């Protein structure tokens, strides 16, 4: 199923599709795929045109992937604390500097689902 994500036209769609699949996976594959998605999201944040703290990739990391990671039985505590630190930073920035529409693009499930439905 994860091979379908390679057909996505953008990095955002690939991450959204991977996240959809993560929510349906069992533990052994979930563990490796979640770590891959975390590294992909962190690399995507490093692009020069992406705002530093409040951006779509950080939102996906903090609001979606972090919750999945917390449910896994054996997770590296260092990773948990790093994600918690990023979550605190994200929410603090959202409180003091509310995000604009360009920082958060809507997550259209219908566009992501076109790659799954054959």
PDB file of N, CA and C in Angstrom:
ATOM      1  N   UNK A   1       0.817  -1.199   0.000  1.00  0.00           N
ATOM      2  CA  UNK A   1       0.000   0.000   0.000  1.00  0.00           C
ATOM      3  C   UNK A   1       0.856   1.256   0.000  1.00  0.00           C
ATOM      4  N   UNK A   2       1.991   1.204   0.668  1.00  0.00           N
ATOM      5  CA  UNK A   2       2.837   2.391   0.708  1.00  0.00           C
ATOM      6  C   UNK A   2       3.451   2.724  -0.644  1.00  0.00           C
ATOM      7  N   UNK A   3       3.510   1.753  -1.543  1.00  0.00           N
ATOM      8  CA  UNK A   3       4.036   2.012  -2.883  1.00  0.00           C
ATOM      9  C   UNK A   3       3.139   2.994  -3.639  1.00  0.00           C
ATOM     10  N   UNK A   4       1.873   3.046  -3.283  1.00  0.00           N
ATOM     11  CA  UNK A   4       0.936   3.971  -3.909  1.00  0.00           C
ATOM     12  C   UNK A   4       1.338   5.417  -3.620  1.00  0.00           C
ATOM     13  N   UNK A   5       1.948   5.662  -2.481  1.00  0.00           N
ATOM     14  CA  UNK A   5       2.315   7.029  -2.118  1.00  0.00           C
ATOM     15  C   UNK A   5       3.356   7.616  -3.061  1.00  0.00           C
ATOM     16  N   UNK A   6       4.121   6.767  -3.737  1.00  0.00           N
ATOM     17  CA  UNK A   6       5.132   7.268  -4.662  1.00  0.00           C
ATOM     18  C   UNK A   6       4.505   7.905  -5.898  1.00  0.00           C
ATOM     19  N   UNK A   7       3.221   7.647  -6.160  1.00  0.00           N
ATOM     20  CA  UNK A   7       2.530   8.240  -7.303  1.00  0.00           C
ATOM     21  C   UNK A   7       2.009   9.637  -7.014  1.00  0.00           C
ATOM     22  N   UNK A   8       2.131  10.096  -5.793  1.00  0.00           N
ATOM     23  CA  UNK A   8       1.636  11.420  -5.423  1.00  0.00           C
ATOM     24  C   UNK A   8       2.437  12.492  -6.157  1.00  0.00           C
ATOM     25  N   UNK A   9       1.742  13.559  -6.512  1.00  0.00           N
ATOM     26  CA  UNK A   9       2.382  14.606  -7.307  1.00  0.00           C
ATOM     27  C   UNK A   9       3.228  15.562  -6.467  1.00  0.00           C
ATOM     28  N   UNK A  10       2.966  15.644  -5.172  1.00  0.00           N
ATOM     29  CA  UNK A  10       3.741  16.563  -4.329  1.00  0.00           C
ATOM     30  C   UNK A  10       4.121  15.861  -3.025  1.00  0.00           C
ATOM     31  N   UNK A  11       5.049  16.468  -2.342  1.00  0.00           N
ATOM     32  CA  UNK A  11       5.490  15.925  -1.057  1.00  0.00           C
ATOM     33  C   UNK A  11       4.358  15.961  -0.033  1.00  0.00           C
ATOM     34  N   UNK A  12       3.548  17.005  -0.080  1.00  0.00           N
ATOM     35  CA  UNK A  12       2.423  17.112   0.844  1.00  0.00           C
ATOM     36  C   UNK A  12       1.442  15.955   0.653  1.00  0.00           C
ATOM     37  N   UNK A  13       1.114  15.659  -0.609  1.00  0.00           N
ATOM     38  CA  UNK A  13       0.191  14.553  -0.871  1.00  0.00           C
ATOM     39  C   UNK A  13       0.796  13.217  -0.451  1.00  0.00           C
ATOM     40  N   UNK A  14       2.098  13.051  -0.676  1.00  0.00           N
ATOM     41  CA  UNK A  14       2.755  11.805  -0.273  1.00  0.00           C
ATOM     42  C   UNK A  14       2.688  11.632   1.237  1.00  0.00           C
ATOM     43  N   UNK A  15       2.913  12.708   1.974  1.00  0.00           N
ATOM     44  CA  UNK A  15       2.836  12.635   3.441  1.00  0.00           C
ATOM     45  C   UNK A  15       1.414  12.368   3.908  1.00  0.00           C
ATOM     46  N   UNK A  16       0.436  12.987   3.259  1.00  0.00           N
ATOM     47  CA  UNK A  16      -0.959  12.756   3.629  1.00  0.00           C
ATOM     48  C   UNK A  16      -1.357  11.300   3.384  1.00  0.00           C
ATOM     49  N   UNK A  17      -0.947  10.764   2.241  1.00  0.00           N
ATOM     50  CA  UNK A  17      -1.259   9.370   1.940  1.00  0.00           C
ATOM     51  C   UNK A  17      -0.589   8.428   2.932  1.00  0.00           C
ATOM     52  N   UNK A  18       0.672   8.690   3.234  1.00  0.00           N
ATOM     53  CA  UNK A  18       1.384   7.852   4.201  1.00  0.00           C
ATOM     54  C   UNK A  18       0.691   7.899   5.546  1.00  0.00           C
ATOM     55  N   UNK A  19       0.240   9.075   5.942  1.00  0.00           N
ATOM     56  CA  UNK A  19      -0.475   9.211   7.212  1.00  0.00           C
ATOM     57  C   UNK A  19      -1.777   8.415   7.195  1.00  0.00           C
ATOM     58  N   UNK A  20      -2.501   8.453   6.082  1.00  0.00           N
ATOM     59  CA  UNK A  20      -3.724   7.652   5.976  1.00  0.00           C
ATOM     60  C   UNK A  20      -3.424   6.165   6.142  1.00  0.00           C
ATOM     61  N   UNK A  21      -2.348   5.710   5.524  1.00  0.00           N
ATOM     62  CA  UNK A  21      -1.972   4.302   5.642  1.00  0.00           C
ATOM     63  C   UNK A  21      -1.487   3.963   7.049  1.00  0.00           C
ATOM     64  N   UNK A  22      -0.799   4.895   7.692  1.00  0.00           N
ATOM     65  CA  UNK A  22      -0.312   4.654   9.056  1.00  0.00           C
ATOM     66  C   UNK A  22      -1.463   4.369  10.009  1.00  0.00           C
ATOM     67  N   UNK A  23      -2.554   5.058   9.808  1.00  0.00           N
ATOM     68  CA  UNK A  23      -3.695   4.883  10.709  1.00  0.00           C
ATOM     69  C   UNK A  23      -4.342   3.510  10.565  1.00  0.00           C
ATOM     70  N   UNK A  24      -4.031   2.792   9.478  1.00  0.00           N
ATOM     71  CA  UNK A  24      -4.612   1.474   9.236  1.00  0.00           C
ATOM     72  C   UNK A  24      -3.622   0.329   9.442  1.00  0.00           C
ATOM     73  N   UNK A  25      -2.377   0.630   9.747  1.00  0.00           N
ATOM     74  CA  UNK A  25      -1.333  -0.402   9.835  1.00  0.00           C
ATOM     75  C   UNK A  25      -1.279  -1.062  11.197  1.00  0.00           C
ATOM     76  N   UNK A  26      -0.665  -2.240  11.194  1.00  0.00           N
ATOM     77  CA  UNK A  26      -0.383  -2.954  12.432  1.00  0.00           C
ATOM     78  C   UNK A  26       1.017  -2.603  12.897  1.00  0.00           C
ATOM     79  N   UNK A  27       1.316  -2.940  14.132  1.00  0.00           N
ATOM     80  CA  UNK A  27       2.534  -2.478  14.806  1.00  0.00           C
ATOM     81  C   UNK A  27       3.842  -2.700  14.057  1.00  0.00           C
ATOM     82  N   UNK A  28       4.183  -3.877  13.565  1.00  0.00           N
ATOM     83  CA  UNK A  28       5.530  -4.053  12.989  1.00  0.00           C
ATOM     84  C   UNK A  28       5.842  -3.096  11.835  1.00  0.00           C
ATOM     85  N   UNK A  29       4.900  -2.926  10.926  1.00  0.00           N
ATOM     86  CA  UNK A  29       5.130  -2.006   9.804  1.00  0.00           C
ATOM     87  C   UNK A  29       4.934  -0.557  10.230  1.00  0.00           C
ATOM     88  N   UNK A  30       4.055  -0.340  11.179  1.00  0.00           N
ATOM     89  CA  UNK A  30       3.769   1.008  11.645  1.00  0.00           C
ATOM     90  C   UNK A  30       5.005   1.665  12.218  1.00  0.00           C
ATOM     91  N   UNK A  31       5.776   0.908  12.951  1.00  0.00           N
ATOM     92  CA  UNK A  31       6.970   1.428  13.613  1.00  0.00           C
ATOM     93  C   UNK A  31       7.940   2.033  12.593  1.00  0.00           C
ATOM     94  N   UNK A  32       8.299   1.280  11.580  1.00  0.00           N
ATOM     95  CA  UNK A  32       9.260   1.749  10.574  1.00  0.00           C
ATOM     96  C   UNK A  32       8.678   2.863   9.712  1.00  0.00           C
ATOM     97  N   UNK A  33       7.427   2.725   9.327  1.00  0.00           N
ATOM     98  CA  UNK A  33       6.801   3.738   8.463  1.00  0.00           C
ATOM     99  C   UNK A  33       6.623   5.065   9.182  1.00  0.00           C
ATOM    100  N   UNK A  34       6.316   5.017  10.462  1.00  0.00           N
ATOM    101  CA  UNK A  34       6.168   6.250  11.237  1.00  0.00           C
ATOM    102  C   UNK A  34       7.502   6.997  11.325  1.00  0.00           C
ATOM    103  N   UNK A  35       8.576   6.265  11.564  1.00  0.00           N
ATOM    104  CA  UNK A  35       9.890   6.906  11.613  1.00  0.00           C
ATOM    105  C   UNK A  35      10.267   7.508  10.264  1.00  0.00           C
ATOM    106  N   UNK A  36       9.938   6.813   9.174  1.00  0.00           N
ATOM    107  CA  UNK A  36      10.219   7.355   7.843  1.00  0.00           C
ATOM    108  C   UNK A  36       9.428   8.631   7.588  1.00  0.00           C
ATOM    109  N   UNK A  37       8.167   8.634   8.004  1.00  0.00           N
ATOM    110  CA  UNK A  37       7.341   9.828   7.816  1.00  0.00           C
ATOM    111  C   UNK A  37       7.863  10.991   8.651  1.00  0.00           C
ATOM    112  N   UNK A  38       8.303  10.722   9.860  1.00  0.00           N
ATOM    113  CA  UNK A  38       8.865  11.778  10.710  1.00  0.00           C
ATOM    114  C   UNK A  38      10.084  12.400  10.041  1.00  0.00           C
ATOM    115  N   UNK A  39      10.968  11.570   9.521  1.00  0.00           N
ATOM    116  CA  UNK A  39      12.170  12.119   8.875  1.00  0.00           C
ATOM    117  C   UNK A  39      11.804  12.882   7.608  1.00  0.00           C
ATOM    118  N   UNK A  40      10.804  12.413   6.869  1.00  0.00           N
ATOM    119  CA  UNK A  40      10.356  13.127   5.663  1.00  0.00           C
ATOM    120  C   UNK A  40       9.785  14.492   6.024  1.00  0.00           C
ATOM    121  N   UNK A  41       8.953  14.536   7.061  1.00  0.00           N
ATOM    122  CA  UNK A  41       8.353  15.805   7.477  1.00  0.00           C
ATOM    123  C   UNK A  41       9.409  16.784   7.988  1.00  0.00           C
ATOM    124  N   UNK A  42      10.378  16.281   8.716  1.00  0.00           N
ATOM    125  CA  UNK A  42      11.440  17.156   9.217  1.00  0.00           C
ATOM    126  C   UNK A  42      12.312  17.690   8.087  1.00  0.00           C
ATOM    127  N   UNK A  43      12.587  16.869   7.097  1.00  0.00           N
ATOM    128  CA  UNK A  43      13.362  17.329   5.935  1.00  0.00           C
ATOM    129  C   UNK A  43      12.571  18.357   5.132  1.00  0.00           C
ATOM    130  N   UNK A  44      11.261  18.147   5.005  1.00  0.00           N
ATOM    131  CA  UNK A  44      10.419  19.082   4.260  1.00  0.00           C
ATOM    132  C   UNK A  44      10.391  20.451   4.921  1.00  0.00           C
ATOM    133  N   UNK A  45      10.490  20.469   6.244  1.00  0.00           N
ATOM    134  CA  UNK A  45      10.496  21.743   6.971  1.00  0.00           C
ATOM    135  C   UNK A  45      11.751  22.563   6.722  1.00  0.00           C
ATOM    136  N   UNK A  46      12.811  21.911   6.281  1.00  0.00           N
ATOM    137  CA  UNK A  46      14.088  22.594   6.089  1.00  0.00           C
ATOM    138  C   UNK A  46      14.142  23.405   4.804  1.00  0.00           C
ATOM    139  N   UNK A  47      13.137  23.291   3.951  1.00  0.00           N
ATOM    140  CA  UNK A  47      13.114  24.052   2.702  1.00  0.00           C
ATOM    141  C   UNK A  47      13.091  25.547   3.011  1.00  0.00           C
ATOM    142  N   UNK A  48      13.821  26.353   2.239  1.00  0.00           N
ATOM    143  CA  UNK A  48      13.934  27.784   2.551  1.00  0.00           C
ATOM    144  C   UNK A  48      12.613  28.550   2.479  1.00  0.00           C
ATOM    145  N   UNK A  49      11.672  28.099   1.654  1.00  0.00           N
ATOM    146  CA  UNK A  49      10.418  28.844   1.522  1.00  0.00           C
ATOM    147  C   UNK A  49       9.388  28.493   2.592  1.00  0.00           C
ATOM    148  N   UNK A  50       9.682  27.505   3.428  1.00  0.00           N
ATOM    149  CA  UNK A  50       8.761  27.079   4.484  1.00  0.00           C
ATOM    150  C   UNK A  50       9.004  27.924   5.735  1.00  0.00           C
ATOM    151  N   UNK A  51       7.923  28.503   6.324  1.00  0.00           N
ATOM    152  CA  UNK A  51       8.100  29.243   7.578  1.00  0.00           C
ATOM    153  C   UNK A  51       8.665  28.337   8.668  1.00  0.00           C
ATOM    154  N   UNK A  52       9.365  28.916   9.600  1.00  0.00           N
ATOM    155  CA  UNK A  52      10.148  28.144  10.559  1.00  0.00           C
ATOM    156  C   UNK A  52       9.303  27.229  11.442  1.00  0.00           C
ATOM    157  N   UNK A  53       8.376  27.762  12.200  1.00  0.00           N
ATOM    158  CA  UNK A  53       7.696  26.958  13.219  1.00  0.00           C
ATOM    159  C   UNK A  53       6.270  26.597  12.853  1.00  0.00           C
ATOM    160  N   UNK A  54       5.525  27.531  12.346  1.00  0.00           N
ATOM    161  CA  UNK A  54       4.120  27.280  12.043  1.00  0.00           C
ATOM    162  C   UNK A  54       4.007  27.027  10.545  1.00  0.00           C
ATOM    163  N   UNK A  55       3.935  25.759  10.191  1.00  0.00           N
ATOM    164  CA  UNK A  55       3.788  25.387   8.792  1.00  0.00           C
ATOM    165  C   UNK A  55       3.011  24.080   8.706  1.00  0.00           C
ATOM    166  N   UNK A  56       2.657  23.714   7.486  1.00  0.00           N
ATOM    167  CA  UNK A  56       1.814  22.545   7.266  1.00  0.00           C
ATOM    168  C   UNK A  56       2.499  21.250   7.705  1.00  0.00           C
ATOM    169  N   UNK A  57       3.788  21.134   7.448  1.00  0.00           N
ATOM    170  CA  UNK A  57       4.509  19.907   7.788  1.00  0.00           C
ATOM    171  C   UNK A  57       4.627  19.748   9.309  1.00  0.00           C
ATOM    172  N   UNK A  58       4.868  20.841  10.022  1.00  0.00           N
ATOM    173  CA  UNK A  58       4.945  20.776  11.482  1.00  0.00           C
ATOM    174  C   UNK A  58       3.579  20.442  12.062  1.00  0.00           C
ATOM    175  N   UNK A  59       2.523  21.009  11.458  1.00  0.00           N
ATOM    176  CA  UNK A  59       1.165  20.710  11.922  1.00  0.00           C
ATOM    177  C   UNK A  59       0.882  19.219  11.786  1.00  0.00           C
ATOM    178  N   UNK A  60       1.250  18.633  10.647  1.00  0.00           N
ATOM    179  CA  UNK A  60       1.028  17.211  10.444  1.00  0.00           C
ATOM    180  C   UNK A  60       1.853  16.388  11.429  1.00  0.00           C
ATOM    181  N   UNK A  61       3.075  16.810  11.679  1.00  0.00           N
ATOM    182  CA  UNK A  61       3.954  16.099  12.602  1.00  0.00           C
ATOM    183  C   UNK A  61       3.396  16.133  14.020  1.00  0.00           C
ATOM    184  N   UNK A  62       2.974  17.302  14.454  1.00  0.00           N
ATOM    185  CA  UNK A  62       2.530  17.495  15.838  1.00  0.00           C
ATOM    186  C   UNK A  62       1.113  16.968  16.065  1.00  0.00           C
ATOM    187  N   UNK A  63       0.209  17.260  15.156  1.00  0.00           N
ATOM    188  CA  UNK A  63      -1.202  16.938  15.383  1.00  0.00           C
ATOM    189  C   UNK A  63      -1.586  15.522  14.976  1.00  0.00           C
ATOM    190  N   UNK A  64      -0.823  14.915  14.094  1.00  0.00           N
ATOM    191  CA  UNK A  64      -1.205  13.591  13.606  1.00  0.00           C
ATOM    192  C   UNK A  64      -0.180  12.508  13.954  1.00  0.00           C
ATOM    193  N   UNK A  65       1.047  12.688  13.507  1.00  0.00           N
ATOM    194  CA  UNK A  65       2.058  11.644  13.668  1.00  0.00           C
ATOM    195  C   UNK A  65       2.451  11.468  15.134  1.00  0.00           C
ATOM    196  N   UNK A  66       2.566  12.544  15.865  1.00  0.00           N
ATOM    197  CA  UNK A  66       2.951  12.468  17.282  1.00  0.00           C
ATOM    198  C   UNK A  66       1.944  11.629  18.066  1.00  0.00           C
ATOM    199  N   UNK A  67       0.666  11.768  17.757  1.00  0.00           N
ATOM    200  CA  UNK A  67      -0.360  10.988  18.450  1.00  0.00           C
ATOM    201  C   UNK A  67      -0.232   9.500  18.139  1.00  0.00           C
ATOM    202  N   UNK A  68       0.149   9.173  16.921  1.00  0.00           N
ATOM    203  CA  UNK A  68       0.360   7.766  16.563  1.00  0.00           C
ATOM    204  C   UNK A  68       1.580   7.212  17.292  1.00  0.00           C
ATOM    205  N   UNK A  69       2.640   8.006  17.348  1.00  0.00           N
ATOM    206  CA  UNK A  69       3.877   7.587  18.024  1.00  0.00           C
ATOM    207  C   UNK A  69       3.626   7.322  19.506  1.00  0.00           C
ATOM    208  N   UNK A  70       2.807   8.138  20.131  1.00  0.00           N
ATOM    209  CA  UNK A  70       2.530   7.964  21.560  1.00  0.00           C
ATOM    210  C   UNK A  70       1.807   6.649  21.853  1.00  0.00           C
ATOM    211  N   UNK A  71       1.120   6.099  20.879  1.00  0.00           N
ATOM    212  CA  UNK A  71       0.384   4.856  21.079  1.00  0.00           C
ATOM    213  C   UNK A  71       1.250   3.616  20.899  1.00  0.00           C
ATOM    214  N   UNK A  72       2.440   3.776  20.349  1.00  0.00           N
ATOM    215  CA  UNK A  72       3.320   2.626  20.144  1.00  0.00           C
ATOM    216  C   UNK A  72       3.927   2.185  21.467  1.00  0.00           C
ATOM    217  N   UNK A  73       4.045   0.869  21.694  1.00  0.00           N
ATOM    218  CA  UNK A  73       4.540   0.391  22.986  1.00  0.00           C
ATOM    219  C   UNK A  73       6.025   0.637  23.230  1.00  0.00           C
ATOM    220  N   UNK A  74       6.857   0.493  22.213  1.00  0.00           N
ATOM    221  CA  UNK A  74       8.294   0.663  22.414  1.00  0.00           C
ATOM    222  C   UNK A  74       8.806   1.773  21.506  1.00  0.00           C
ATOM    223  N   UNK A  75       8.865   2.963  22.060  1.00  0.00           N
ATOM    224  CA  UNK A  75       9.342   4.110  21.306  1.00  0.00           C
ATOM    225  C   UNK A  75      10.525   4.705  22.043  1.00  0.00           C
ATOM    226  N   UNK A  76      11.477   5.162  21.282  1.00  0.00           N
ATOM    227  CA  UNK A  76      12.645   5.812  21.844  1.00  0.00           C
ATOM    228  C   UNK A  76      12.201   7.065  22.612  1.00  0.00           C
ATOM    229  N   UNK A  77      12.581   7.137  23.878  1.00  0.00           N
ATOM    230  CA  UNK A  77      12.173   8.278  24.716  1.00  0.00           C
ATOM    231  C   UNK A  77      12.745   9.594  24.201  1.00  0.00           C
ATOM    232  N   UNK A  78      13.924   9.535  23.617  1.00  0.00           N
ATOM    233  CA  UNK A  78      14.520  10.750  23.061  1.00  0.00           C
ATOM    234  C   UNK A  78      13.655  11.295  21.927  1.00  0.00           C
ATOM    235  N   UNK A  79      13.139  10.406  21.083  1.00  0.00           N
ATOM    236  CA  UNK A  79      12.248  10.820  20.003  1.00  0.00           C
ATOM    237  C   UNK A  79      10.969  11.426  20.563  1.00  0.00           C
ATOM    238  N   UNK A  80      10.406  10.786  21.582  1.00  0.00           N
ATOM    239  CA  UNK A  80       9.189  11.320  22.206  1.00  0.00           C
ATOM    240  C   UNK A  80       9.415  12.723  22.749  1.00  0.00           C
ATOM    241  N   UNK A  81      10.529  12.935  23.423  1.00  0.00           N
ATOM    242  CA  UNK A  81      10.805  14.254  23.985  1.00  0.00           C
ATOM    243  C   UNK A  81      11.091  15.285  22.897  1.00  0.00           C
ATOM    244  N   UNK A  82      11.740  14.875  21.818  1.00  0.00           N
ATOM    245  CA  UNK A  82      11.969  15.798  20.703  1.00  0.00           C
ATOM    246  C   UNK A  82      10.650  16.212  20.059  1.00  0.00           C
ATOM    247  N   UNK A  83       9.754  15.238  19.864  1.00  0.00           N
ATOM    248  CA  UNK A  83       8.451  15.558  19.295  1.00  0.00           C
ATOM    249  C   UNK A  83       7.618  16.409  20.249  1.00  0.00           C
ATOM    250  N   UNK A  84       7.715  16.129  21.535  1.00  0.00           N
ATOM    251  CA  UNK A  84       7.007  16.938  22.524  1.00  0.00           C
ATOM    252  C   UNK A  84       7.521  18.375  22.512  1.00  0.00           C
ATOM    253  N   UNK A  85       8.828  18.537  22.396  1.00  0.00           N
ATOM    254  CA  UNK A  85       9.419  19.878  22.322  1.00  0.00           C
ATOM    255  C   UNK A  85       8.930  20.624  21.081  1.00  0.00           C
ATOM    256  N   UNK A  86       8.871  19.927  19.950  1.00  0.00           N
ATOM    257  CA  UNK A  86       8.369  20.553  18.725  1.00  0.00           C
ATOM    258  C   UNK A  86       6.892  20.904  18.853  1.00  0.00           C
ATOM    259  N   UNK A  87       6.121  20.061  19.544  1.00  0.00           N
ATOM    260  CA  UNK A  87       4.698  20.334  19.750  1.00  0.00           C
ATOM    261  C   UNK A  87       4.502  21.572  20.618  1.00  0.00           C
ATOM    262  N   UNK A  88       5.274  21.672  21.680  1.00  0.00           N
ATOM    263  CA  UNK A  88       5.167  22.840  22.563  1.00  0.00           C
ATOM    264  C   UNK A  88       5.535  24.110  21.800  1.00  0.00           C
ATOM    265  N   UNK A  89       6.609  24.046  21.034  1.00  0.00           N
ATOM    266  CA  UNK A  89       7.029  25.193  20.238  1.00  0.00           C
ATOM    267  C   UNK A  89       5.957  25.584  19.222  1.00  0.00           C
ATOM    268  N   UNK A  90       5.358  24.586  18.574  1.00  0.00           N
ATOM    269  CA  UNK A  90       4.312  24.829  17.579  1.00  0.00           C
ATOM    270  C   UNK A  90       3.104  25.509  18.214  1.00  0.00           C
ATOM    271  N   UNK A  91       2.605  24.938  19.321  1.00  0.00           N
ATOM    272  CA  UNK A  91       1.422  25.499  19.961  1.00  0.00           C
ATOM    273  C   UNK A  91       1.696  26.884  20.555  1.00  0.00           C
ATOM    274  N   UNK A  92       2.873  27.096  21.104  1.00  0.00           N
ATOM    275  CA  UNK A  92       3.218  28.414  21.638  1.00  0.00           C
ATOM    276  C   UNK A  92       3.247  29.450  20.521  1.00  0.00           C
ATOM    277  N   UNK A  93       3.809  29.093  19.393  1.00  0.00           N
ATOM    278  CA  UNK A  93       3.840  30.022  18.259  1.00  0.00           C
ATOM    279  C   UNK A  93       2.445  30.278  17.708  1.00  0.00           C
ATOM    280  N   UNK A  94       1.592  29.271  17.731  1.00  0.00           N
ATOM    281  CA  UNK A  94       0.212  29.462  17.273  1.00  0.00           C
ATOM    282  C   UNK A  94      -0.555  30.404  18.196  1.00  0.00           C
ATOM    283  N   UNK A  95      -0.259  30.349  19.475  1.00  0.00           N
ATOM    284  CA  UNK A  95      -0.942  31.217  20.431  1.00  0.00           C
ATOM    285  C   UNK A  95      -0.501  32.668  20.262  1.00  0.00           C
ATOM    286  N   UNK A  96       0.806  32.878  20.151  1.00  0.00           N
ATOM    287  CA  UNK A  96       1.322  34.241  20.106  1.00  0.00           C
ATOM    288  C   UNK A  96       1.347  34.839  18.708  1.00  0.00           C
ATOM    289  N   UNK A  97       1.357  33.999  17.696  1.00  0.00           N
ATOM    290  CA  UNK A  97       1.326  34.469  16.311  1.00  0.00           C
ATOM    291  C   UNK A  97       0.409  33.523  15.548  1.00  0.00           C
ATOM    292  N   UNK A  98      -0.889  33.841  15.486  1.00  0.00           N
ATOM    293  CA  UNK A  98      -1.832  32.928  14.832  1.00  0.00           C
ATOM    294  C   UNK A  98      -1.430  32.667  13.380  1.00  0.00           C
ATOM    295  N   UNK A  99      -1.607  31.428  12.932  1.00  0.00           N
ATOM    296  CA  UNK A  99      -1.219  31.086  11.560  1.00  0.00           C
ATOM    297  C   UNK A  99      -2.111  31.757  10.530  1.00  0.00           C
ATOM    298  N   UNK A 100      -1.546  32.045   9.380  1.00  0.00           N
ATOM    299  CA  UNK A 100      -2.306  32.621   8.279  1.00  0.00           C
ATOM    300  C   UNK A 100      -2.772  31.493   7.373  1.00  0.00           C
ATOM    301  N   UNK A 101      -3.606  31.854   6.423  1.00  0.00           N
ATOM    302  CA  UNK A 101      -4.136  30.849   5.496  1.00  0.00           C
ATOM    303  C   UNK A 101      -3.037  30.220   4.656  1.00  0.00           C
ATOM    304  N   UNK A 102      -1.992  30.972   4.360  1.00  0.00           N
ATOM    305  CA  UNK A 102      -0.917  30.409   3.542  1.00  0.00           C
ATOM    306  C   UNK A 102      -0.055  29.423   4.326  1.00  0.00           C
ATOM    307  N   UNK A 103      -0.021  29.545   5.667  1.00  0.00           N
ATOM    308  CA  UNK A 103       0.728  28.590   6.477  1.00  0.00           C
ATOM    309  C   UNK A 103       0.016  27.250   6.569  1.00  0.00           C
ATOM    310  N   UNK A 104      -1.310  27.288   6.604  1.00  0.00           N
ATOM    311  CA  UNK A 104      -2.092  26.057   6.697  1.00  0.00           C
ATOM    312  C   UNK A 104      -2.950  25.928   5.454  1.00  0.00           C
ATOM    313  N   UNK A 105      -2.579  25.038   4.605  1.00  0.00           N
ATOM    314  CA  UNK A 105      -3.428  24.720   3.471  1.00  0.00           C
ATOM    315  C   UNK A 105      -4.357  23.608   3.900  1.00  0.00           C
ATOM    316  N   UNK A 106      -5.552  23.610   3.349  1.00  0.00           N
ATOM    317  CA  UNK A 106      -6.519  22.585   3.772  1.00  0.00           C
ATOM    318  C   UNK A 106      -6.065  21.215   3.307  1.00  0.00           C
ATOM    319  N   UNK A 107      -6.340  20.252   4.133  1.00  0.00           N
ATOM    320  CA  UNK A 107      -5.989  18.866   3.828  1.00  0.00           C
ATOM    321  C   UNK A 107      -7.161  18.236   3.106  1.00  0.00           C
ATOM    322  N   UNK A 108      -7.058  18.136   1.795  1.00  0.00           N
ATOM    323  CA  UNK A 108      -8.150  17.583   1.009  1.00  0.00           C
ATOM    324  C   UNK A 108      -7.984  16.076   0.894  1.00  0.00           C
ATOM    325  N   UNK A 109      -8.850  15.370   1.577  1.00  0.00           N
ATOM    326  CA  UNK A 109      -8.792  13.916   1.550  1.00  0.00           C
ATOM    327  C   UNK A 109      -9.183  13.404   0.172  1.00  0.00           C
ATOM    328  N   UNK A 110     -10.074  14.107  -0.507  1.00  0.00           N
ATOM    329  CA  UNK A 110     -10.521  13.627  -1.811  1.00  0.00           C
ATOM    330  C   UNK A 110      -9.376  13.564  -2.811  1.00  0.00           C
ATOM    331  N   UNK A 111      -8.455  14.531  -2.793  1.00  0.00           N
ATOM    332  CA  UNK A 111      -7.336  14.486  -3.725  1.00  0.00           C
ATOM    333  C   UNK A 111      -6.369  13.367  -3.364  1.00  0.00           C
ATOM    334  N   UNK A 112      -6.226  13.084  -2.084  1.00  0.00           N
ATOM    335  CA  UNK A 112      -5.352  11.989  -1.674  1.00  0.00           C
ATOM    336  C   UNK A 112      -5.982  10.638  -1.974  1.00  0.00           C
ATOM    337  N   UNK A 113      -7.292  10.561  -1.922  1.00  0.00           N
ATOM    338  CA  UNK A 113      -7.969   9.280  -2.135  1.00  0.00           C
ATOM    339  C   UNK A 113      -7.955   8.849  -3.601  1.00  0.00           C
ATOM    340  N   UNK A 114      -7.703   9.763  -4.527  1.00  0.00           N
ATOM    341  CA  UNK A 114      -7.691   9.381  -5.941  1.00  0.00           C
ATOM    342  C   UNK A 114      -6.564   8.397  -6.256  1.00  0.00           C
ATOM    343  N   UNK A 115      -5.519   8.384  -5.449  1.00  0.00           N
ATOM    344  CA  UNK A 115      -4.410   7.461  -5.681  1.00  0.00           C
ATOM    345  C   UNK A 115      -4.710   6.072  -5.113  1.00  0.00           C
ATOM    346  N   UNK A 116      -5.632   6.004  -4.165  1.00  0.00           N
ATOM    347  CA  UNK A 116      -5.952   4.727  -3.525  1.00  0.00           C
ATOM    348  C   UNK A 116      -7.015   3.986  -4.340  1.00  0.00           C
ATOM    349  N   UNK A 117      -8.010   4.734  -4.826  1.00  0.00           N
ATOM    350  CA  UNK A 117      -9.114   4.119  -5.579  1.00  0.00           C
ATOM    351  C   UNK A 117      -8.665   3.839  -7.003  1.00  0.00           C
ATOM    352  N   UNK A 118      -8.645   2.595  -7.368  1.00  0.00           N
ATOM    353  CA  UNK A 118      -8.180   2.225  -8.712  1.00  0.00           C
ATOM    354  C   UNK A 118      -9.320   2.188  -9.680  1.00  0.00           C
TER     355      UNK A 118
END
